Amino acid sequence: MGAIPPTSNPSNRRLDSWKDIAAFFGRDKSTVRRWETERGLPVHRLPGMGRGSVYAFTDELQEWLRKPEAQQEGLTEGEPPLASADPVSEPRTRWLTWIAAGALAVAGIVVVYSYRTLHFGARAAVQSRSRHVPTPEAQDFYLKGQFYWNQRTPESLNRAVDSFTQAVVRDPAYAQAYVGLAESYNLLREFSVMPATEAYPRALAAEKKAVELDDASAEAHTDLAFTTLYWKWDWPTAEQEFKRAIALDPNNAHAHHWYATALLAFRRMPEALAQIDWAQKLDPSSMAILADKGFILYYSGQQEAGVALLRQMETAEPAFVAPHRYLAEVLRRAGNHTSSLAERRKMDLLLHDQADLAITDAAERGLETGGFRGMLESTLSTQEKLYPQGKVSPFALAQTCAQLGRNDDAIRYLREAYDRREVSFLVDLQVDHSFDHLRSQREFQDLQAKLNAPRPD
């Protein structure tokens, strides 16, 4: 793979699929694929992901246009259809081209293609004339929301919420805008410091409205399944919603992806692998899917393959949070605390999470001076200072207390994690080795029984 050029220049955008690259030139995918083979079109590939997982930078494509190879194809140095575009200020026609979203009337059928990436990949949603067609102004705001949502940063996700809200205000019957709102809130819980108690209720309200407006929307059912599981902790209903979404649209990568992560939570590993493989086939350039695949591979017993994939992704896209989060976790469980804390620091900086960064600093100091126990004691001291401010998870405190042998404190914090409906309580309680010595205690078993969840394999 060639060197990745800098992207600090705001006019230099990254195009994350053959479809994006083709749209940049206003040509079809087969043409730009041929240009790569015959004319040296500058295209990059994600490491180890095959020939279909490609990306390109607009500055490099502009430079290529000046070369004789491009001019042999009848191209000029003039600006391609999307070159150096500002997506927020461009007119609606430019948006429709860039995001690959448009309304095409063919034989009385209106098909709306909505291009979206999970930081990199793409998926399409198809609507027929019998389903709601949004107003042009609402669709403009929806597409802007998509642009910001794709970036998956705390700042961009808040802008996405603003844009999707404007879309709903201008067209209250626009189900897909409610889907966008729900997905933004779900990601704000993961990619920012927004607490689950704020993010999930807002997401759930938007999802229910989306399903009410369009019960045939696979994406609405997928999002409803996600929040039903991680907020309501209702696994049977969540699984029904995932299966309904896939039945509505078997080629929806989003549905397969989030179903895979739900199956991972309950350690149904063969099914999780099958679903994440489907998601990757449908959206091979999605970094979110690839990161989750690395995590699933690790917990499926393919530790080397999982870590190798996460490392490749970390090198290719260091500003993407998920590989750092997953590497921090698997390295912690492997006992490699120095490397785990280094990954956690990268994650904290990307998320602008000053509270967790303070905990990471304390853990590193404690590890250096007092080894593993020094790391835990220093971590707990900082956690206890931040906890009254609402900046630390009770589940995280329970983990630290359990590892230090402070069993009564660990149980107390686990009760608080349950009362707050913490995701970690649902996902990790049954498998985290920090609590192994507590599993025979009645208080722990009572908490475990409250989950009413399928036991891991």
Protein backbone atom coordinates (compact mmCIF):
# COMPACT_ATOMS: atom_id res chain seq x y z
CA MET A 1 0.00 0.00 0.00
CA GLY A 2 1.30 3.46 -0.87
CA ALA A 3 1.99 6.11 1.71
CA ILE A 4 -1.11 7.87 3.02
CA PRO A 5 -0.93 11.58 2.14
CA PRO A 6 -1.76 14.17 4.75
CA THR A 7 -5.38 15.21 5.03
CA SER A 8 -4.99 18.43 7.02
CA ASN A 9 -5.90 20.44 3.90
CA PRO A 10 -9.70 20.81 4.15
CA SER A 11 -10.05 20.74 0.37
CA ASN A 12 -8.34 17.35 0.22
CA ARG A 13 -11.11 14.84 0.82
CA ARG A 14 -10.94 11.09 1.15
CA LEU A 15 -13.19 9.04 -1.16
CA ASP A 16 -13.88 5.65 0.36
CA SER A 17 -15.16 3.39 -2.41
CA TRP A 18 -15.11 2.86 -6.17
CA LYS A 19 -18.55 4.44 -6.19
CA ASP A 20 -17.21 7.66 -4.62
CA ILE A 21 -14.22 7.76 -6.96
CA ALA A 22 -16.43 7.25 -10.00
CA ALA A 23 -18.81 10.00 -8.83
CA PHE A 24 -15.84 12.37 -8.46
CA PHE A 25 -15.17 12.07 -12.19
CA GLY A 26 -18.79 11.70 -13.24
CA ARG A 27 -18.02 8.24 -14.72
CA ASP A 28 -19.03 4.68 -13.92
CA LYS A 29 -17.10 2.30 -11.66
CA SER A 30 -15.81 0.11 -14.49
CA THR A 31 -14.19 3.14 -16.13
CA VAL A 32 -12.26 4.27 -13.07
CA ARG A 33 -11.20 0.69 -12.33
CA ARG A 34 -9.78 0.55 -15.86
CA TRP A 35 -8.00 3.86 -15.33
CA GLU A 36 -6.26 2.42 -12.29
CA THR A 37 -5.03 -0.57 -14.28
CA GLU A 38 -4.20 1.18 -17.54
CA ARG A 39 -3.59 4.83 -16.62
CA GLY A 40 -2.13 4.73 -13.13
CA LEU A 41 -5.07 6.33 -11.35
CA PRO A 42 -3.84 6.83 -7.73
CA VAL A 43 -5.96 4.47 -5.63
CA HIS A 44 -5.08 3.07 -2.20
CA ARG A 45 -6.21 -0.15 -0.51
CA LEU A 46 -6.82 -1.10 3.09
CA PRO A 47 -4.16 -3.59 4.21
CA GLY A 48 -5.20 -7.20 3.85
CA MET A 49 -8.73 -6.37 2.75
CA GLY A 50 -8.59 -7.39 -0.90
CA ARG A 51 -8.92 -5.40 -4.09
CA GLY A 52 -12.45 -4.17 -3.40
CA SER A 53 -11.59 -2.11 -0.30
CA VAL A 54 -10.23 1.08 -1.84
CA TYR A 55 -9.93 4.77 -1.13
CA ALA A 56 -8.44 7.80 -2.85
CA PHE A 57 -7.65 11.44 -2.06
CA THR A 58 -9.06 14.26 -4.15
CA ASP A 59 -5.76 16.17 -4.27
CA GLU A 60 -4.04 13.13 -5.80
CA LEU A 61 -6.86 12.71 -8.31
CA GLN A 62 -6.58 16.38 -9.28
CA GLU A 63 -2.84 15.96 -9.79
CA TRP A 64 -3.43 12.86 -11.92
CA LEU A 65 -5.73 14.90 -14.18
CA ARG A 66 -2.72 16.99 -15.22
CA LYS A 67 -0.80 13.97 -16.44
CA PRO A 68 -0.69 12.75 -20.07
CA GLU A 69 -2.32 9.47 -19.03
CA ALA A 70 -5.48 11.34 -18.03
CA GLN A 71 -5.50 13.55 -21.09
CA GLN A 72 -5.33 10.46 -23.29
CA GLU A 73 -8.77 9.68 -21.90
CA GLY A 74 -10.05 13.08 -23.01
CA LEU A 75 -9.95 14.52 -19.51
CA THR A 76 -8.74 18.03 -18.76
CA GLU A 77 -7.24 19.82 -15.80
CA GLY A 78 -10.54 21.50 -15.10
CA GLU A 79 -12.31 20.81 -11.85
CA PRO A 80 -14.12 17.45 -11.84
CA PRO A 81 -17.76 17.45 -10.76
CA LEU A 82 -16.98 17.27 -7.04
CA ALA A 83 -13.42 18.54 -6.73
CA SER A 84 -12.68 20.73 -3.72
CA ALA A 85 -16.36 20.97 -2.85
CA ASP A 86 -17.54 22.32 0.47
CA PRO A 87 -20.37 19.90 1.29
CA VAL A 88 -22.15 22.28 3.61
CA SER A 89 -22.35 25.22 1.26
CA GLU A 90 -22.73 23.38 -2.07
CA PRO A 91 -26.12 23.53 -3.81
CA ARG A 92 -28.45 20.61 -3.63
CA THR A 93 -27.40 19.14 -6.97
CA ARG A 94 -23.79 18.88 -5.79
CA TRP A 95 -24.93 17.13 -2.63
CA LEU A 96 -26.95 14.60 -4.56
CA THR A 97 -23.94 13.77 -6.70
CA TRP A 98 -21.42 13.58 -3.87
CA ILE A 99 -23.44 11.58 -1.34
CA ALA A 100 -24.85 9.44 -4.17
CA ALA A 101 -28.38 10.32 -3.21
CA GLY A 102 -30.94 11.27 -5.78
CA ALA A 103 -34.47 10.78 -6.99
CA LEU A 104 -34.76 9.07 -10.36
CA ALA A 105 -38.18 8.77 -11.98
CA VAL A 106 -38.20 5.66 -14.17
CA ALA A 107 -41.45 4.19 -15.54
CA GLY A 108 -43.43 5.76 -12.73
CA ILE A 109 -41.12 4.42 -10.02
CA VAL A 110 -39.10 6.75 -7.85
CA VAL A 111 -35.93 5.20 -6.46
CA VAL A 112 -34.00 7.11 -3.86
CA TYR A 113 -30.41 6.01 -3.25
CA SER A 114 -29.03 7.25 0.03
CA TYR A 115 -25.29 6.74 0.25
CA ARG A 116 -23.87 6.39 3.70
CA THR A 117 -20.57 5.20 5.24
CA LEU A 118 -19.79 3.81 8.68
CA HIS A 119 -16.73 6.07 8.73
CA PHE A 120 -15.71 4.49 5.44
CA GLY A 121 -18.17 1.99 3.93
CA ALA A 122 -21.42 2.48 2.06
CA ARG A 123 -24.94 1.13 2.10
CA ALA A 124 -28.01 1.93 0.06
CA ALA A 125 -31.65 2.37 1.00
CA VAL A 126 -34.32 1.94 -1.67
CA GLN A 127 -37.71 3.59 -1.51
CA SER A 128 -40.67 3.12 -3.85
CA ARG A 129 -43.28 5.69 -4.85
CA SER A 130 -45.67 4.19 -2.31
CA ARG A 131 -43.34 5.30 0.50
CA HIS A 132 -42.89 8.87 1.66
CA VAL A 133 -40.85 11.16 -0.59
CA PRO A 134 -39.26 13.93 1.51
CA THR A 135 -39.41 17.59 0.63
CA PRO A 136 -36.28 18.87 -1.14
CA GLU A 137 -35.36 21.13 1.76
CA ALA A 138 -35.69 18.31 4.30
CA GLN A 139 -33.63 16.02 2.11
CA ASP A 140 -30.86 18.62 1.93
CA PHE A 141 -30.65 18.73 5.73
CA TYR A 142 -30.76 14.92 5.86
CA LEU A 143 -27.80 14.66 3.48
CA LYS A 144 -25.83 17.19 5.50
CA GLY A 145 -26.57 15.08 8.56
CA GLN A 146 -25.24 12.05 6.72
CA PHE A 147 -22.02 13.88 5.91
CA TYR A 148 -21.42 14.82 9.54
CA TRP A 149 -22.54 11.41 10.86
CA ASN A 150 -20.01 9.68 8.62
CA GLN A 151 -17.10 11.47 10.32
CA ARG A 152 -17.89 9.95 13.73
CA THR A 153 -16.29 12.61 15.91
CA PRO A 154 -17.95 14.26 18.91
CA GLU A 155 -18.20 17.56 17.05
CA SER A 156 -19.52 16.12 13.79
CA LEU A 157 -22.10 13.93 15.54
CA ASN A 158 -23.56 16.96 17.30
CA ARG A 159 -23.76 18.71 13.93
CA ALA A 160 -25.47 15.61 12.54
CA VAL A 161 -28.11 15.83 15.28
CA ASP A 162 -28.72 19.47 14.36
CA SER A 163 -29.08 18.65 10.65
CA PHE A 164 -31.38 15.66 11.15
CA THR A 165 -33.50 17.74 13.54
CA GLN A 166 -33.86 20.43 10.88
CA ALA A 167 -34.91 17.74 8.40
CA VAL A 168 -37.63 16.54 10.79
CA VAL A 169 -38.83 20.11 11.44
CA ARG A 170 -39.24 20.68 7.70
CA ASP A 171 -40.83 17.28 7.03
CA PRO A 172 -42.30 15.60 10.16
CA ALA A 173 -43.20 12.50 8.10
CA TYR A 174 -39.57 11.87 7.04
CA ALA A 175 -38.83 8.48 8.68
CA GLN A 176 -35.25 8.30 7.47
CA ALA A 177 -34.43 11.58 9.24
CA TYR A 178 -35.61 10.03 12.51
CA VAL A 179 -33.34 7.06 11.76
CA GLY A 180 -30.46 9.48 11.35
CA LEU A 181 -31.26 11.09 14.69
CA ALA A 182 -31.37 7.71 16.42
CA GLU A 183 -28.07 6.60 14.96
CA SER A 184 -26.42 9.89 15.91
CA TYR A 185 -27.48 9.53 19.53
CA ASN A 186 -26.35 5.91 19.63
CA LEU A 187 -22.92 6.94 18.37
CA LEU A 188 -22.69 9.97 20.65
CA ARG A 189 -22.81 7.56 23.57
CA GLU A 190 -19.87 5.65 22.06
CA PHE A 191 -17.79 8.43 20.46
CA SER A 192 -18.33 11.24 22.97
CA VAL A 193 -18.92 11.69 26.68
CA MET A 194 -22.72 11.81 26.36
CA PRO A 195 -24.07 9.43 29.05
CA ALA A 196 -26.22 6.46 28.11
CA THR A 197 -29.03 7.86 30.27
CA GLU A 198 -29.28 10.79 27.86
CA ALA A 199 -28.38 9.15 24.55
CA TYR A 200 -30.47 5.99 24.64
CA PRO A 201 -33.88 7.49 25.55
CA ARG A 202 -33.48 10.04 22.76
CA ALA A 203 -32.46 7.31 20.31
CA LEU A 204 -35.37 5.10 21.35
CA ALA A 205 -37.92 7.89 20.86
CA ALA A 206 -36.58 8.60 17.36
CA GLU A 207 -36.57 4.89 16.46
CA LYS A 208 -40.16 4.36 17.54
CA LYS A 209 -41.24 7.36 15.48
CA ALA A 210 -39.32 6.04 12.44
CA VAL A 211 -41.01 2.63 12.70
CA GLU A 212 -44.40 4.30 13.16
CA LEU A 213 -43.85 6.31 9.97
CA ASP A 214 -42.32 3.48 7.94
CA ASP A 215 -42.69 -0.03 9.31
CA ALA A 216 -40.94 -1.41 6.20
CA SER A 217 -37.68 0.41 6.98
CA ALA A 218 -34.95 -2.14 7.69
CA GLU A 219 -32.74 0.57 9.16
CA ALA A 220 -35.44 1.72 11.58
CA HIS A 221 -35.90 -1.85 12.86
CA THR A 222 -32.13 -2.32 13.13
CA ASP A 223 -31.75 0.79 15.25
CA LEU A 224 -34.75 -0.17 17.38
CA ALA A 225 -33.19 -3.59 17.96
CA PHE A 226 -29.91 -1.98 19.03
CA THR A 227 -31.49 0.29 21.64
CA THR A 228 -33.96 -2.35 22.81
CA LEU A 229 -30.99 -4.54 23.65
CA TYR A 230 -28.51 -2.09 25.12
CA TRP A 231 -30.98 0.19 26.92
CA LYS A 232 -34.03 -1.96 27.66
CA TRP A 233 -31.99 -5.18 28.00
CA ASP A 234 -34.75 -7.08 26.24
CA TRP A 235 -32.78 -9.61 24.21
CA PRO A 236 -35.73 -11.66 22.81
CA THR A 237 -37.44 -8.56 21.41
CA ALA A 238 -34.15 -7.16 20.15
CA GLU A 239 -33.35 -10.36 18.28
CA GLN A 240 -36.82 -10.33 16.70
CA GLU A 241 -36.18 -6.78 15.49
CA PHE A 242 -32.78 -7.71 14.03
CA LYS A 243 -34.31 -10.66 12.19
CA ARG A 244 -37.18 -8.51 10.90
CA ALA A 245 -34.71 -5.94 9.59
CA ILE A 246 -32.75 -8.60 7.74
CA ALA A 247 -35.95 -10.11 6.34
CA LEU A 248 -36.99 -6.68 5.05
CA ASP A 249 -33.60 -6.10 3.43
CA PRO A 250 -31.22 -9.08 3.35
CA ASN A 251 -28.57 -6.88 1.74
CA ASN A 252 -28.54 -4.29 4.51
CA ALA A 253 -24.98 -4.36 5.86
CA HIS A 254 -26.00 -2.24 8.85
CA ALA A 255 -28.49 -4.87 10.07
CA HIS A 256 -26.01 -7.75 9.73
CA HIS A 257 -23.31 -5.65 11.41
CA TRP A 258 -25.23 -4.69 14.52
CA TYR A 259 -26.77 -8.15 14.83
CA ALA A 260 -23.21 -9.53 14.82
CA THR A 261 -22.17 -7.26 17.69
CA ALA A 262 -25.28 -8.25 19.66
CA LEU A 263 -24.45 -11.92 19.17
CA LEU A 264 -20.91 -11.16 20.33
CA ALA A 265 -22.31 -9.70 23.56
CA PHE A 266 -23.80 -13.12 24.38
CA ARG A 267 -20.80 -15.00 23.00
CA ARG A 268 -22.76 -16.76 20.27
CA MET A 269 -19.54 -16.72 18.33
CA PRO A 270 -20.24 -18.86 15.23
CA GLU A 271 -23.38 -16.81 14.52
CA ALA A 272 -21.56 -13.55 15.22
CA LEU A 273 -18.81 -14.49 12.76
CA ALA A 274 -21.35 -15.44 10.10
CA GLN A 275 -23.19 -12.12 10.46
CA ILE A 276 -20.05 -9.97 10.44
CA ASP A 277 -18.80 -11.82 7.36
CA TRP A 278 -22.09 -11.01 5.60
CA ALA A 279 -21.80 -7.39 6.64
CA GLN A 280 -18.25 -7.19 5.28
CA LYS A 281 -19.25 -8.74 1.95
CA LEU A 282 -22.03 -6.19 1.59
CA ASP A 283 -19.88 -3.23 2.67
CA PRO A 284 -16.21 -4.26 2.29
CA SER A 285 -14.72 -0.82 2.91
CA SER A 286 -16.52 -0.07 6.19
CA MET A 287 -13.95 0.50 8.90
CA ALA A 288 -16.57 0.05 11.63
CA ILE A 289 -17.40 -3.41 10.33
CA LEU A 290 -13.73 -4.33 9.99
CA ALA A 291 -12.95 -3.19 13.54
CA ASP A 292 -15.82 -5.23 14.97
CA LYS A 293 -14.70 -8.19 12.89
CA GLY A 294 -11.26 -7.97 14.49
CA PHE A 295 -12.85 -7.99 17.95
CA ILE A 296 -15.13 -10.90 17.06
CA LEU A 297 -12.22 -12.88 15.62
CA TYR A 298 -10.32 -12.37 18.86
CA TYR A 299 -13.15 -13.71 21.01
CA SER A 300 -13.79 -16.56 18.60
CA GLY A 301 -10.38 -18.01 19.41
CA GLN A 302 -8.60 -16.43 16.45
CA GLN A 303 -6.58 -14.05 18.62
CA GLU A 304 -3.66 -13.52 16.24
CA ALA A 305 -5.91 -12.79 13.26
CA GLY A 306 -8.07 -10.42 15.29
CA VAL A 307 -5.18 -8.42 16.72
CA ALA A 308 -3.43 -8.32 13.32
CA LEU A 309 -6.54 -6.85 11.68
CA LEU A 310 -6.92 -4.22 14.40
CA ARG A 311 -3.24 -3.29 14.11
CA GLN A 312 -3.54 -2.91 10.34
CA MET A 313 -6.52 -0.64 10.76
CA GLU A 314 -4.79 1.40 13.44
CA THR A 315 -1.89 2.02 11.06
CA ALA A 316 -4.13 2.85 8.10
CA GLU A 317 -6.42 5.21 10.01
CA PRO A 318 -4.96 6.30 13.38
CA ALA A 319 -7.79 8.80 14.02
CA PHE A 320 -10.43 6.04 14.08
CA VAL A 321 -11.33 5.29 17.70
CA ALA A 322 -12.58 1.69 17.56
CA PRO A 323 -9.26 -0.14 16.92
CA HIS A 324 -7.66 1.67 19.87
CA ARG A 325 -10.60 0.80 22.14
CA TYR A 326 -10.55 -2.85 21.15
CA LEU A 327 -6.78 -3.20 21.34
CA ALA A 328 -6.79 -1.62 24.81
CA GLU A 329 -9.32 -4.24 25.93
CA VAL A 330 -7.69 -7.33 24.45
CA LEU A 331 -4.24 -6.26 25.63
CA ARG A 332 -5.59 -5.68 29.14
CA ARG A 333 -7.09 -9.13 29.22
CA ALA A 334 -3.80 -10.57 27.96
CA GLY A 335 -1.95 -8.87 30.83
CA ASN A 336 0.00 -6.46 28.60
CA HIS A 337 -0.86 -3.41 30.67
CA THR A 338 1.76 -1.04 29.27
CA SER A 339 0.52 -1.48 25.70
CA SER A 340 -3.11 -1.50 26.82
CA LEU A 341 -2.71 1.86 28.55
CA ALA A 342 -0.93 3.29 25.49
CA GLU A 343 -3.96 2.36 23.35
CA ARG A 344 -6.34 3.73 25.95
CA ARG A 345 -4.46 7.04 25.91
CA LYS A 346 -4.90 7.30 22.13
CA MET A 347 -8.62 6.62 22.54
CA ASP A 348 -8.99 9.22 25.31
CA LEU A 349 -7.29 11.90 23.22
CA LEU A 350 -9.46 11.18 20.19
CA LEU A 351 -12.62 11.31 22.31
CA HIS A 352 -11.49 14.42 24.20
CA ASP A 353 -12.31 12.48 27.39
CA GLN A 354 -10.34 14.41 30.02
CA ALA A 355 -11.68 12.34 32.91
CA ASP A 356 -10.59 9.03 31.43
CA LEU A 357 -7.28 10.58 30.40
CA ALA A 358 -6.66 11.47 34.06
CA ILE A 359 -7.37 7.85 35.01
CA THR A 360 -5.01 6.60 32.31
CA ASP A 361 -2.28 8.98 33.54
CA ALA A 362 -2.72 7.69 37.08
CA ALA A 363 -2.65 4.07 35.95
CA GLU A 364 0.57 4.59 34.01
CA ARG A 365 2.24 6.24 37.00
CA GLY A 366 1.09 3.48 39.32
CA LEU A 367 2.27 0.76 36.95
CA GLU A 368 5.71 2.34 36.69
CA THR A 369 6.20 2.68 40.43
CA GLY A 370 4.23 -0.23 41.89
CA GLY A 371 3.57 -2.77 39.17
CA PHE A 372 0.13 -4.26 38.61
CA ARG A 373 -1.18 -3.57 42.11
CA GLY A 374 0.24 -0.06 42.05
CA MET A 375 -1.62 0.51 38.78
CA LEU A 376 -4.90 -0.64 40.33
CA GLU A 377 -4.50 1.42 43.49
CA SER A 378 -3.60 4.56 41.57
CA THR A 379 -6.50 3.94 39.17
CA LEU A 380 -8.99 3.49 42.01
CA SER A 381 -7.83 6.64 43.79
CA THR A 382 -8.47 8.75 40.68
CA GLN A 383 -11.73 6.98 39.87
CA GLU A 384 -13.10 7.65 43.36
CA LYS A 385 -12.30 11.36 43.02
CA LEU A 386 -14.09 11.63 39.70
CA TYR A 387 -17.04 9.37 40.50
CA PRO A 388 -19.09 11.93 42.50
CA GLN A 389 -18.86 14.20 39.45
CA GLY A 390 -20.52 11.57 37.28
CA LYS A 391 -17.39 11.15 35.15
CA VAL A 392 -16.64 7.50 35.92
CA SER A 393 -18.68 4.38 35.27
CA PRO A 394 -19.68 2.38 38.37
CA PHE A 395 -18.91 -0.77 36.40
CA ALA A 396 -15.31 0.42 35.88
CA LEU A 397 -15.03 1.04 39.63
CA ALA A 398 -16.43 -2.44 40.29
CA GLN A 399 -13.76 -3.96 38.05
CA THR A 400 -10.95 -2.16 39.88
CA CYS A 401 -12.33 -2.98 43.33
CA ALA A 402 -12.80 -6.64 42.42
CA GLN A 403 -9.22 -6.94 41.23
CA LEU A 404 -8.00 -5.36 44.48
CA GLY A 405 -10.07 -7.81 46.55
CA ARG A 406 -12.50 -5.15 47.79
CA ASN A 407 -15.46 -7.43 47.21
CA ASP A 408 -18.14 -5.52 49.11
CA ASP A 409 -17.28 -2.34 47.20
CA ALA A 410 -17.29 -4.25 43.92
CA ILE A 411 -20.82 -5.58 44.61
CA ARG A 412 -22.01 -2.12 45.61
CA TYR A 413 -20.76 -0.56 42.39
CA LEU A 414 -22.22 -3.43 40.34
CA ARG A 415 -25.64 -2.71 41.87
CA GLU A 416 -25.26 0.92 40.82
CA ALA A 417 -24.24 -0.16 37.31
CA TYR A 418 -27.38 -2.27 37.11
CA ASP A 419 -29.58 0.58 38.32
CA ARG A 420 -28.09 2.85 35.65
CA ARG A 421 -28.57 0.23 32.91
CA GLU A 422 -24.89 0.36 31.99
CA VAL A 423 -24.01 -1.40 28.76
CA SER A 424 -20.89 -2.91 30.33
CA PHE A 425 -23.04 -4.63 32.95
CA LEU A 426 -25.05 -6.33 30.24
CA VAL A 427 -22.14 -7.22 27.96
CA ASP A 428 -19.25 -7.99 30.31
CA LEU A 429 -20.63 -9.17 33.64
CA GLN A 430 -20.78 -12.82 32.62
CA VAL A 431 -17.37 -13.00 30.97
CA ASP A 432 -15.05 -10.47 32.65
CA HIS A 433 -12.39 -12.40 34.60
CA SER A 434 -12.14 -9.54 37.10
CA PHE A 435 -15.22 -11.00 38.79
CA ASP A 436 -14.33 -14.70 38.70
CA HIS A 437 -13.74 -14.94 42.46
CA LEU A 438 -17.14 -13.32 43.11
CA ARG A 439 -19.21 -15.72 41.03
CA SER A 440 -19.90 -18.10 43.89
CA GLN A 441 -21.28 -15.31 46.10
CA ARG A 442 -25.06 -15.02 46.38
CA GLU A 443 -25.03 -11.23 45.88
CA PHE A 444 -23.26 -11.61 42.57
CA GLN A 445 -25.54 -14.43 41.44
CA ASP A 446 -28.59 -12.31 42.26
CA LEU A 447 -27.24 -9.52 40.06
CA GLN A 448 -26.49 -11.96 37.28
CA ALA A 449 -30.02 -13.37 37.46
CA LYS A 450 -31.48 -9.88 36.95
CA LEU A 451 -30.09 -9.82 33.43
CA ASN A 452 -32.46 -12.57 32.30
CA ALA A 453 -30.06 -12.96 29.35
CA PRO A 454 -28.85 -16.04 27.55
CA ARG A 455 -25.66 -17.39 29.08
CA PRO A 456 -22.51 -17.25 26.95
CA ASP A 457 -21.33 -20.41 25.21
